[in-house]
Each structure stands twice: as structure tokens, then as C-alpha cells.
């Protein structure tokens, strides 16, 4: 008897830094702390540096950007300038993702 073996590749899972829910990697947005120390949105998911993931929901973004969970996930501090850029760019990204 032959056993049925699935050739399907496992779907990578990641945890949202704000709500702690585990979801498919592609369903989340990656933020990265670059080796230069800047924190930015990683649209490609391949930028070098320490990464953290957030859901595509505004509640998770607000919680992460106002609290310390993003700093904890990135294992370093996030400057006020980076937080303001993330807030603005994240808001635009969430609009784009919900429309498109």
C-alpha cells in the first residue's frame, strides 16, 4: 500500500507584535529595524535587520505604535521620528490594502 504524501509546502506563520495572534506571514505587514537603527515598513519582506509583524488592522498599529510592544519585538528602541513615519506610512498602507 502506498501512503499519500502531500507535496504542499508549509505556510510560514508569524505572530502579530500587538495582538499576539498567529497568522500566515503574507497576511501580516513586516516592520524592520535596519542595521543603521531606523525602523521602517518592509514591503518586500526581505530587508536586512530585525523584523516584527503587525496585522493589517488599525487597532494593532495603534497599539504597537503607542505602547512598547514594537520596541520589545524589535529588541531596541524606536525613535519618535520613526514612530511618526510608521504611523503616517502605516495609515496610507492600510488604506491601500483595504481598497486594493
PDB file of N, CA and C in Angstrom:
ATOM      1  N   UNK A   1       0.834  -1.183   0.000  1.00  0.00           N
ATOM      2  CA  UNK A   1       0.000   0.000   0.000  1.00  0.00           C
ATOM      3  C   UNK A   1       0.873   1.239   0.000  1.00  0.00           C
ATOM      4  N   UNK A   2       0.475   2.206  -0.782  1.00  0.00           N
ATOM      5  CA  UNK A   2       1.199   3.480  -0.838  1.00  0.00           C
ATOM      6  C   UNK A   2       0.542   4.465   0.102  1.00  0.00           C
ATOM      7  N   UNK A   3       1.365   5.161   0.783  1.00  0.00           N
ATOM      8  CA  UNK A   3       0.858   6.221   1.655  1.00  0.00           C
ATOM      9  C   UNK A   3       0.764   7.501   0.860  1.00  0.00           C
ATOM     10  N   UNK A   4      -0.257   8.231   1.114  1.00  0.00           N
ATOM     11  CA  UNK A   4      -0.422   9.517   0.445  1.00  0.00           C
ATOM     12  C   UNK A   4       0.428  10.567   1.156  1.00  0.00           C
ATOM     13  N   UNK A   5       1.349  11.140   0.434  1.00  0.00           N
ATOM     14  CA  UNK A   5       2.203  12.174   0.997  1.00  0.00           C
ATOM     15  C   UNK A   5       1.903  13.483   0.288  1.00  0.00           C
ATOM     16  N   UNK A   6       1.578  14.477   1.053  1.00  0.00           N
ATOM     17  CA  UNK A   6       1.256  15.771   0.477  1.00  0.00           C
ATOM     18  C   UNK A   6       2.543  16.497   0.097  1.00  0.00           C
ATOM     19  N   UNK A   7       2.550  17.065  -1.087  1.00  0.00           N
ATOM     20  CA  UNK A   7       3.700  17.837  -1.535  1.00  0.00           C
ATOM     21  C   UNK A   7       3.545  19.313  -1.206  1.00  0.00           C
ATOM     22  N   UNK A   8       2.454  19.665  -0.546  1.00  0.00           N
ATOM     23  CA  UNK A   8       2.223  21.070  -0.230  1.00  0.00           C
ATOM     24  C   UNK A   8       3.264  21.567   0.760  1.00  0.00           C
ATOM     25  N   UNK A   9       3.798  22.744   0.473  1.00  0.00           N
ATOM     26  CA  UNK A   9       4.794  23.337   1.361  1.00  0.00           C
ATOM     27  C   UNK A   9       4.082  23.970   2.546  1.00  0.00           C
ATOM     28  N   UNK A  10       4.686  23.913   3.703  1.00  0.00           N
ATOM     29  CA  UNK A  10       4.058  24.554   4.861  1.00  0.00           C
ATOM     30  C   UNK A  10       4.024  26.064   4.693  1.00  0.00           C
ATOM     31  N   UNK A  11       2.940  26.669   5.137  1.00  0.00           N
ATOM     32  CA  UNK A  11       2.779  28.117   5.047  1.00  0.00           C
ATOM     33  C   UNK A  11       3.458  28.740   6.265  1.00  0.00           C
ATOM     34  N   UNK A  12       4.419  29.669   6.050  1.00  0.00           N
ATOM     35  CA  UNK A  12       5.078  30.296   7.196  1.00  0.00           C
ATOM     36  C   UNK A  12       4.095  31.064   8.066  1.00  0.00           C
ATOM     37  N   UNK A  13       4.240  30.925   9.354  1.00  0.00           N
ATOM     38  CA  UNK A  13       3.360  31.592  10.318  1.00  0.00           C
ATOM     39  C   UNK A  13       4.166  32.622  11.105  1.00  0.00           C
ATOM     40  N   UNK A  14       3.549  33.742  11.423  1.00  0.00           N
ATOM     41  CA  UNK A  14       4.193  34.775  12.234  1.00  0.00           C
ATOM     42  C   UNK A  14       3.175  35.299  13.249  1.00  0.00           C
ATOM     43  N   UNK A  15       3.694  35.928  14.293  1.00  0.00           N
ATOM     44  CA  UNK A  15       2.849  36.451  15.357  1.00  0.00           C
ATOM     45  C   UNK A  15       2.804  37.969  15.281  1.00  0.00           C
ATOM     46  N   UNK A  16       1.615  38.542  15.380  1.00  0.00           N
ATOM     47  CA  UNK A  16       1.456  39.995  15.415  1.00  0.00           C
ATOM     48  C   UNK A  16       2.042  40.505  16.742  1.00  0.00           C
ATOM     49  N   UNK A  17       2.869  41.533  16.656  1.00  0.00           N
ATOM     50  CA  UNK A  17       3.523  42.069  17.858  1.00  0.00           C
ATOM     51  C   UNK A  17       2.517  42.734  18.794  1.00  0.00           C
ATOM     52  N   UNK A  18       1.371  43.156  18.275  1.00  0.00           N
ATOM     53  CA  UNK A  18       0.392  43.867  19.094  1.00  0.00           C
ATOM     54  C   UNK A  18      -0.642  42.930  19.711  1.00  0.00           C
ATOM     55  N   UNK A  19      -1.338  42.159  18.880  1.00  0.00           N
ATOM     56  CA  UNK A  19      -2.443  41.328  19.390  1.00  0.00           C
ATOM     57  C   UNK A  19      -2.007  39.896  19.705  1.00  0.00           C
ATOM     58  N   UNK A  20      -0.794  39.511  19.291  1.00  0.00           N
ATOM     59  CA  UNK A  20      -0.215  38.203  19.569  1.00  0.00           C
ATOM     60  C   UNK A  20      -0.922  37.053  18.864  1.00  0.00           C
ATOM     61  N   UNK A  21      -1.726  37.351  17.835  1.00  0.00           N
ATOM     62  CA  UNK A  21      -2.372  36.289  17.073  1.00  0.00           C
ATOM     63  C   UNK A  21      -1.390  35.757  16.029  1.00  0.00           C
ATOM     64  N   UNK A  22      -1.389  34.450  15.834  1.00  0.00           N
ATOM     65  CA  UNK A  22      -0.539  33.825  14.831  1.00  0.00           C
ATOM     66  C   UNK A  22      -1.328  33.743  13.533  1.00  0.00           C
ATOM     67  N   UNK A  23      -0.720  34.256  12.451  1.00  0.00           N
ATOM     68  CA  UNK A  23      -1.378  34.268  11.141  1.00  0.00           C
ATOM     69  C   UNK A  23      -0.361  33.911  10.073  1.00  0.00           C
ATOM     70  N   UNK A  24      -0.864  33.695   8.848  1.00  0.00           N
ATOM     71  CA  UNK A  24       0.039  33.470   7.722  1.00  0.00           C
ATOM     72  C   UNK A  24       0.936  34.694   7.559  1.00  0.00           C
ATOM     73  N   UNK A  25       2.179  34.445   7.226  1.00  0.00           N
ATOM     74  CA  UNK A  25       3.159  35.531   7.094  1.00  0.00           C
ATOM     75  C   UNK A  25       2.685  36.595   6.104  1.00  0.00           C
ATOM     76  N   UNK A  26       2.061  36.165   5.014  1.00  0.00           N
ATOM     77  CA  UNK A  26       1.620  37.106   3.973  1.00  0.00           C
ATOM     78  C   UNK A  26       0.412  37.939   4.397  1.00  0.00           C
ATOM     79  N   UNK A  27      -0.254  37.535   5.453  1.00  0.00           N
ATOM     80  CA  UNK A  27      -1.403  38.297   5.932  1.00  0.00           C
ATOM     81  C   UNK A  27      -0.983  39.410   6.880  1.00  0.00           C
ATOM     82  N   UNK A  28       0.312  39.483   7.178  1.00  0.00           N
ATOM     83  CA  UNK A  28       0.821  40.485   8.109  1.00  0.00           C
ATOM     84  C   UNK A  28       1.756  41.455   7.386  1.00  0.00           C
ATOM     85  N   UNK A  29       2.029  42.578   8.015  1.00  0.00           N
ATOM     86  CA  UNK A  29       2.957  43.575   7.476  1.00  0.00           C
ATOM     87  C   UNK A  29       4.227  43.510   8.316  1.00  0.00           C
ATOM     88  N   UNK A  30       5.367  43.449   7.626  1.00  0.00           N
ATOM     89  CA  UNK A  30       6.644  43.353   8.343  1.00  0.00           C
ATOM     90  C   UNK A  30       7.230  44.739   8.564  1.00  0.00           C
ATOM     91  N   UNK A  31       7.665  44.986   9.780  1.00  0.00           N
ATOM     92  CA  UNK A  31       8.440  46.180  10.111  1.00  0.00           C
ATOM     93  C   UNK A  31       9.849  45.695  10.407  1.00  0.00           C
ATOM     94  N   UNK A  32      10.828  46.484  10.048  1.00  0.00           N
ATOM     95  CA  UNK A  32      12.203  46.057  10.235  1.00  0.00           C
ATOM     96  C   UNK A  32      13.031  47.173  10.870  1.00  0.00           C
ATOM     97  N   UNK A  33      13.886  46.789  11.800  1.00  0.00           N
ATOM     98  CA  UNK A  33      14.883  47.710  12.336  1.00  0.00           C
ATOM     99  C   UNK A  33      16.158  47.398  11.582  1.00  0.00           C
ATOM    100  N   UNK A  34      16.584  48.346  10.744  1.00  0.00           N
ATOM    101  CA  UNK A  34      17.741  48.140   9.881  1.00  0.00           C
ATOM    102  C   UNK A  34      19.028  48.167  10.707  1.00  0.00           C
ATOM    103  N   UNK A  35      20.112  47.679  10.143  1.00  0.00           N
ATOM    104  CA  UNK A  35      21.393  47.754  10.859  1.00  0.00           C
ATOM    105  C   UNK A  35      21.792  49.190  11.208  1.00  0.00           C
ATOM    106  N   UNK A  36      21.273  50.179  10.471  1.00  0.00           N
ATOM    107  CA  UNK A  36      21.549  51.589  10.778  1.00  0.00           C
ATOM    108  C   UNK A  36      20.709  52.088  11.957  1.00  0.00           C
ATOM    109  N   UNK A  37      19.731  51.293  12.397  1.00  0.00           N
ATOM    110  CA  UNK A  37      18.916  51.661  13.549  1.00  0.00           C
ATOM    111  C   UNK A  37      17.577  52.289  13.212  1.00  0.00           C
ATOM    112  N   UNK A  38      17.280  52.476  11.919  1.00  0.00           N
ATOM    113  CA  UNK A  38      15.989  53.038  11.522  1.00  0.00           C
ATOM    114  C   UNK A  38      14.937  51.937  11.487  1.00  0.00           C
ATOM    115  N   UNK A  39      13.715  52.295  11.819  1.00  0.00           N
ATOM    116  CA  UNK A  39      12.607  51.350  11.755  1.00  0.00           C
ATOM    117  C   UNK A  39      11.699  51.777  10.619  1.00  0.00           C
ATOM    118  N   UNK A  40      11.408  50.844   9.717  1.00  0.00           N
ATOM    119  CA  UNK A  40      10.590  51.162   8.545  1.00  0.00           C
ATOM    120  C   UNK A  40       9.740  49.964   8.146  1.00  0.00           C
ATOM    121  N   UNK A  41       8.779  50.224   7.277  1.00  0.00           N
ATOM    122  CA  UNK A  41       7.919  49.160   6.759  1.00  0.00           C
ATOM    123  C   UNK A  41       8.696  48.403   5.692  1.00  0.00           C
ATOM    124  N   UNK A  42       8.667  47.094   5.754  1.00  0.00           N
ATOM    125  CA  UNK A  42       9.362  46.246   4.787  1.00  0.00           C
ATOM    126  C   UNK A  42       8.319  45.619   3.874  1.00  0.00           C
ATOM    127  N   UNK A  43       8.048  46.278   2.762  1.00  0.00           N
ATOM    128  CA  UNK A  43       7.017  45.794   1.844  1.00  0.00           C
ATOM    129  C   UNK A  43       7.425  44.488   1.167  1.00  0.00           C
ATOM    130  N   UNK A  44       8.716  44.281   0.959  1.00  0.00           N
ATOM    131  CA  UNK A  44       9.175  43.073   0.271  1.00  0.00           C
ATOM    132  C   UNK A  44       9.329  41.896   1.228  1.00  0.00           C
ATOM    133  N   UNK A  45       9.502  42.185   2.505  1.00  0.00           N
ATOM    134  CA  UNK A  45       9.706  41.134   3.491  1.00  0.00           C
ATOM    135  C   UNK A  45      11.110  40.561   3.473  1.00  0.00           C
ATOM    136  N   UNK A  46      12.018  41.217   2.771  1.00  0.00           N
ATOM    137  CA  UNK A  46      13.366  40.666   2.635  1.00  0.00           C
ATOM    138  C   UNK A  46      14.465  41.618   3.080  1.00  0.00           C
ATOM    139  N   UNK A  47      14.092  42.750   3.664  1.00  0.00           N
ATOM    140  CA  UNK A  47      15.124  43.693   4.090  1.00  0.00           C
ATOM    141  C   UNK A  47      15.920  43.107   5.245  1.00  0.00           C
ATOM    142  N   UNK A  48      17.173  43.499   5.289  1.00  0.00           N
ATOM    143  CA  UNK A  48      18.064  43.021   6.337  1.00  0.00           C
ATOM    144  C   UNK A  48      17.742  43.718   7.654  1.00  0.00           C
ATOM    145  N   UNK A  49      17.743  42.967   8.720  1.00  0.00           N
ATOM    146  CA  UNK A  49      17.530  43.550  10.039  1.00  0.00           C
ATOM    147  C   UNK A  49      16.538  42.754  10.858  1.00  0.00           C
ATOM    148  N   UNK A  50      16.306  43.211  12.067  1.00  0.00           N
ATOM    149  CA  UNK A  50      15.375  42.555  12.984  1.00  0.00           C
ATOM    150  C   UNK A  50      13.948  42.907  12.579  1.00  0.00           C
ATOM    151  N   UNK A  51      13.113  41.912  12.398  1.00  0.00           N
ATOM    152  CA  UNK A  51      11.755  42.148  11.935  1.00  0.00           C
ATOM    153  C   UNK A  51      10.710  41.919  13.004  1.00  0.00           C
ATOM    154  N   UNK A  52       9.580  42.563  12.816  1.00  0.00           N
ATOM    155  CA  UNK A  52       8.403  42.357  13.644  1.00  0.00           C
ATOM    156  C   UNK A  52       7.196  42.446  12.713  1.00  0.00           C
ATOM    157  N   UNK A  53       6.131  41.782  13.071  1.00  0.00           N
ATOM    158  CA  UNK A  53       4.954  41.729  12.208  1.00  0.00           C
ATOM    159  C   UNK A  53       3.750  42.329  12.901  1.00  0.00           C
ATOM    160  N   UNK A  54       2.922  43.009  12.084  1.00  0.00           N
ATOM    161  CA  UNK A  54       1.665  43.574  12.582  1.00  0.00           C
ATOM    162  C   UNK A  54       0.537  43.163  11.654  1.00  0.00           C
ATOM    163  N   UNK A  55      -0.652  42.985  12.240  1.00  0.00           N
ATOM    164  CA  UNK A  55      -1.853  42.694  11.462  1.00  0.00           C
ATOM    165  C   UNK A  55      -2.168  43.885  10.563  1.00  0.00           C
ATOM    166  N   UNK A  56      -3.035  43.661   9.625  1.00  0.00           N
ATOM    167  CA  UNK A  56      -3.472  44.732   8.731  1.00  0.00           C
ATOM    168  C   UNK A  56      -4.687  45.449   9.297  1.00  0.00           C
ATOM    169  N   UNK A  57      -4.713  45.608  10.593  1.00  0.00           N
ATOM    170  CA  UNK A  57      -5.829  46.274  11.258  1.00  0.00           C
ATOM    171  C   UNK A  57      -5.305  47.494  12.002  1.00  0.00           C
ATOM    172  N   UNK A  58      -6.051  48.579  11.923  1.00  0.00           N
ATOM    173  CA  UNK A  58      -5.586  49.829  12.529  1.00  0.00           C
ATOM    174  C   UNK A  58      -5.435  49.708  14.049  1.00  0.00           C
ATOM    175  N   UNK A  59      -6.247  48.881  14.684  1.00  0.00           N
ATOM    176  CA  UNK A  59      -6.152  48.726  16.139  1.00  0.00           C
ATOM    177  C   UNK A  59      -4.781  48.174  16.536  1.00  0.00           C
ATOM    178  N   UNK A  60      -4.270  47.232  15.774  1.00  0.00           N
ATOM    179  CA  UNK A  60      -2.955  46.662  16.077  1.00  0.00           C
ATOM    180  C   UNK A  60      -1.860  47.704  15.860  1.00  0.00           C
ATOM    181  N   UNK A  61      -1.984  48.509  14.813  1.00  0.00           N
ATOM    182  CA  UNK A  61      -0.980  49.541  14.541  1.00  0.00           C
ATOM    183  C   UNK A  61      -0.961  50.570  15.659  1.00  0.00           C
ATOM    184  N   UNK A  62      -2.142  50.991  16.076  1.00  0.00           N
ATOM    185  CA  UNK A  62      -2.201  51.995  17.148  1.00  0.00           C
ATOM    186  C   UNK A  62      -1.618  51.442  18.443  1.00  0.00           C
ATOM    187  N   UNK A  63      -1.962  50.213  18.768  1.00  0.00           N
ATOM    188  CA  UNK A  63      -1.447  49.602  19.989  1.00  0.00           C
ATOM    189  C   UNK A  63       0.080  49.474  19.938  1.00  0.00           C
ATOM    190  N   UNK A  64       0.595  49.051  18.778  1.00  0.00           N
ATOM    191  CA  UNK A  64       2.043  48.853  18.644  1.00  0.00           C
ATOM    192  C   UNK A  64       2.799  50.176  18.679  1.00  0.00           C
ATOM    193  N   UNK A  65       2.241  51.207  18.044  1.00  0.00           N
ATOM    194  CA  UNK A  65       2.967  52.473  17.946  1.00  0.00           C
ATOM    195  C   UNK A  65       2.837  53.310  19.213  1.00  0.00           C
ATOM    196  N   UNK A  66       1.804  53.070  20.008  1.00  0.00           N
ATOM    197  CA  UNK A  66       1.647  53.834  21.245  1.00  0.00           C
ATOM    198  C   UNK A  66       2.279  53.129  22.434  1.00  0.00           C
ATOM    199  N   UNK A  67       2.353  51.835  22.397  1.00  0.00           N
ATOM    200  CA  UNK A  67       2.900  51.085  23.524  1.00  0.00           C
ATOM    201  C   UNK A  67       4.355  50.707  23.314  1.00  0.00           C
ATOM    202  N   UNK A  68       4.783  49.716  24.069  1.00  0.00           N
ATOM    203  CA  UNK A  68       6.175  49.280  23.983  1.00  0.00           C
ATOM    204  C   UNK A  68       6.335  47.923  23.314  1.00  0.00           C
ATOM    205  N   UNK A  69       5.232  47.351  22.818  1.00  0.00           N
ATOM    206  CA  UNK A  69       5.328  46.011  22.248  1.00  0.00           C
ATOM    207  C   UNK A  69       6.178  45.984  20.968  1.00  0.00           C
ATOM    208  N   UNK A  70       6.177  47.079  20.197  1.00  0.00           N
ATOM    209  CA  UNK A  70       7.003  47.117  18.994  1.00  0.00           C
ATOM    210  C   UNK A  70       8.485  47.158  19.364  1.00  0.00           C
ATOM    211  N   UNK A  71       8.826  47.970  20.352  1.00  0.00           N
ATOM    212  CA  UNK A  71      10.217  48.037  20.810  1.00  0.00           C
ATOM    213  C   UNK A  71      10.664  46.676  21.352  1.00  0.00           C
ATOM    214  N   UNK A  72       9.778  46.019  22.063  1.00  0.00           N
ATOM    215  CA  UNK A  72      10.100  44.702  22.604  1.00  0.00           C
ATOM    216  C   UNK A  72      10.333  43.709  21.470  1.00  0.00           C
ATOM    217  N   UNK A  73       9.466  43.726  20.445  1.00  0.00           N
ATOM    218  CA  UNK A  73       9.593  42.787  19.330  1.00  0.00           C
ATOM    219  C   UNK A  73      10.850  43.064  18.507  1.00  0.00           C
ATOM    220  N   UNK A  74      11.194  44.338  18.375  1.00  0.00           N
ATOM    221  CA  UNK A  74      12.380  44.695  17.585  1.00  0.00           C
ATOM    222  C   UNK A  74      13.660  44.666  18.427  1.00  0.00           C
ATOM    223  N   UNK A  75      13.508  44.414  19.708  1.00  0.00           N
ATOM    224  CA  UNK A  75      14.638  44.340  20.631  1.00  0.00           C
ATOM    225  C   UNK A  75      15.504  45.590  20.574  1.00  0.00           C
ATOM    226  N   UNK A  76      14.851  46.742  20.621  1.00  0.00           N
ATOM    227  CA  UNK A  76      15.576  48.010  20.623  1.00  0.00           C
ATOM    228  C   UNK A  76      14.595  49.160  20.640  1.00  0.00           C
ATOM    229  N   UNK A  77      15.098  50.333  20.933  1.00  0.00           N
ATOM    230  CA  UNK A  77      14.207  51.488  20.995  1.00  0.00           C
ATOM    231  C   UNK A  77      13.861  51.980  19.587  1.00  0.00           C
ATOM    232  N   UNK A  78      12.722  52.639  19.494  1.00  0.00           N
ATOM    233  CA  UNK A  78      12.259  53.217  18.233  1.00  0.00           C
ATOM    234  C   UNK A  78      12.179  54.722  18.446  1.00  0.00           C
ATOM    235  N   UNK A  79      12.835  55.488  17.585  1.00  0.00           N
ATOM    236  CA  UNK A  79      12.861  56.942  17.756  1.00  0.00           C
ATOM    237  C   UNK A  79      11.486  57.548  17.482  1.00  0.00           C
ATOM    238  N   UNK A  80      11.276  58.719  18.039  1.00  0.00           N
ATOM    239  CA  UNK A  80       9.994  59.402  17.840  1.00  0.00           C
ATOM    240  C   UNK A  80       9.757  59.706  16.350  1.00  0.00           C
ATOM    241  N   UNK A  81      10.817  60.060  15.624  1.00  0.00           N
ATOM    242  CA  UNK A  81      10.698  60.325  14.189  1.00  0.00           C
ATOM    243  C   UNK A  81      10.269  59.093  13.420  1.00  0.00           C
ATOM    244  N   UNK A  82      10.855  57.937  13.769  1.00  0.00           N
ATOM    245  CA  UNK A  82      10.467  56.685  13.111  1.00  0.00           C
ATOM    246  C   UNK A  82       9.020  56.329  13.426  1.00  0.00           C
ATOM    247  N   UNK A  83       8.594  56.563  14.680  1.00  0.00           N
ATOM    248  CA  UNK A  83       7.204  56.269  15.044  1.00  0.00           C
ATOM    249  C   UNK A  83       6.231  57.123  14.240  1.00  0.00           C
ATOM    250  N   UNK A  84       6.577  58.415  14.057  1.00  0.00           N
ATOM    251  CA  UNK A  84       5.700  59.298  13.274  1.00  0.00           C
ATOM    252  C   UNK A  84       5.631  58.854  11.820  1.00  0.00           C
ATOM    253  N   UNK A  85       6.792  58.452  11.247  1.00  0.00           N
ATOM    254  CA  UNK A  85       6.799  57.958   9.861  1.00  0.00           C
ATOM    255  C   UNK A  85       6.000  56.665   9.746  1.00  0.00           C
ATOM    256  N   UNK A  86       6.181  55.760  10.712  1.00  0.00           N
ATOM    257  CA  UNK A  86       5.441  54.496  10.679  1.00  0.00           C
ATOM    258  C   UNK A  86       3.942  54.746  10.779  1.00  0.00           C
ATOM    259  N   UNK A  87       3.566  55.694  11.637  1.00  0.00           N
ATOM    260  CA  UNK A  87       2.143  55.991  11.799  1.00  0.00           C
ATOM    261  C   UNK A  87       1.553  56.501  10.488  1.00  0.00           C
ATOM    262  N   UNK A  88       2.255  57.447   9.847  1.00  0.00           N
ATOM    263  CA  UNK A  88       1.767  58.030   8.583  1.00  0.00           C
ATOM    264  C   UNK A  88       1.785  56.986   7.463  1.00  0.00           C
ATOM    265  N   UNK A  89       2.925  56.319   7.293  1.00  0.00           N
ATOM    266  CA  UNK A  89       3.038  55.338   6.216  1.00  0.00           C
ATOM    267  C   UNK A  89       2.138  54.126   6.460  1.00  0.00           C
ATOM    268  N   UNK A  90       1.986  53.732   7.709  1.00  0.00           N
ATOM    269  CA  UNK A  90       1.113  52.619   8.027  1.00  0.00           C
ATOM    270  C   UNK A  90      -0.339  52.935   7.735  1.00  0.00           C
ATOM    271  N   UNK A  91      -0.724  54.167   8.033  1.00  0.00           N
ATOM    272  CA  UNK A  91      -2.099  54.589   7.746  1.00  0.00           C
ATOM    273  C   UNK A  91      -2.365  54.536   6.240  1.00  0.00           C
ATOM    274  N   UNK A  92      -1.414  55.048   5.453  1.00  0.00           N
ATOM    275  CA  UNK A  92      -1.556  55.006   3.988  1.00  0.00           C
ATOM    276  C   UNK A  92      -1.572  53.564   3.482  1.00  0.00           C
ATOM    277  N   UNK A  93      -0.707  52.731   4.053  1.00  0.00           N
ATOM    278  CA  UNK A  93      -0.631  51.335   3.627  1.00  0.00           C
ATOM    279  C   UNK A  93      -1.928  50.594   3.936  1.00  0.00           C
ATOM    280  N   UNK A  94      -2.481  50.831   5.110  1.00  0.00           N
ATOM    281  CA  UNK A  94      -3.732  50.154   5.473  1.00  0.00           C
ATOM    282  C   UNK A  94      -4.874  50.575   4.562  1.00  0.00           C
ATOM    283  N   UNK A  95      -4.902  51.874   4.182  1.00  0.00           N
ATOM    284  CA  UNK A  95      -5.931  52.336   3.236  1.00  0.00           C
ATOM    285  C   UNK A  95      -5.772  51.621   1.912  1.00  0.00           C
ATOM    286  N   UNK A  96      -4.519  51.543   1.447  1.00  0.00           N
ATOM    287  CA  UNK A  96      -4.218  50.902   0.170  1.00  0.00           C
ATOM    288  C   UNK A  96      -4.593  49.416   0.201  1.00  0.00           C
ATOM    289  N   UNK A  97      -4.318  48.753   1.304  1.00  0.00           N
ATOM    290  CA  UNK A  97      -4.607  47.323   1.401  1.00  0.00           C
ATOM    291  C   UNK A  97      -6.100  47.045   1.474  1.00  0.00           C
ATOM    292  N   UNK A  98      -6.849  47.938   2.104  1.00  0.00           N
ATOM    293  CA  UNK A  98      -8.297  47.703   2.209  1.00  0.00           C
ATOM    294  C   UNK A  98      -9.008  48.037   0.908  1.00  0.00           C
ATOM    295  N   UNK A  99      -8.468  48.996   0.147  1.00  0.00           N
ATOM    296  CA  UNK A  99      -9.081  49.358  -1.139  1.00  0.00           C
ATOM    297  C   UNK A  99      -8.721  48.334  -2.199  1.00  0.00           C
ATOM    298  N   UNK A 100      -7.426  47.984  -2.254  1.00  0.00           N
ATOM    299  CA  UNK A 100      -6.950  47.102  -3.326  1.00  0.00           C
ATOM    300  C   UNK A 100      -7.023  45.712  -2.967  1.00  0.00           C
TER     301      UNK A 100
END
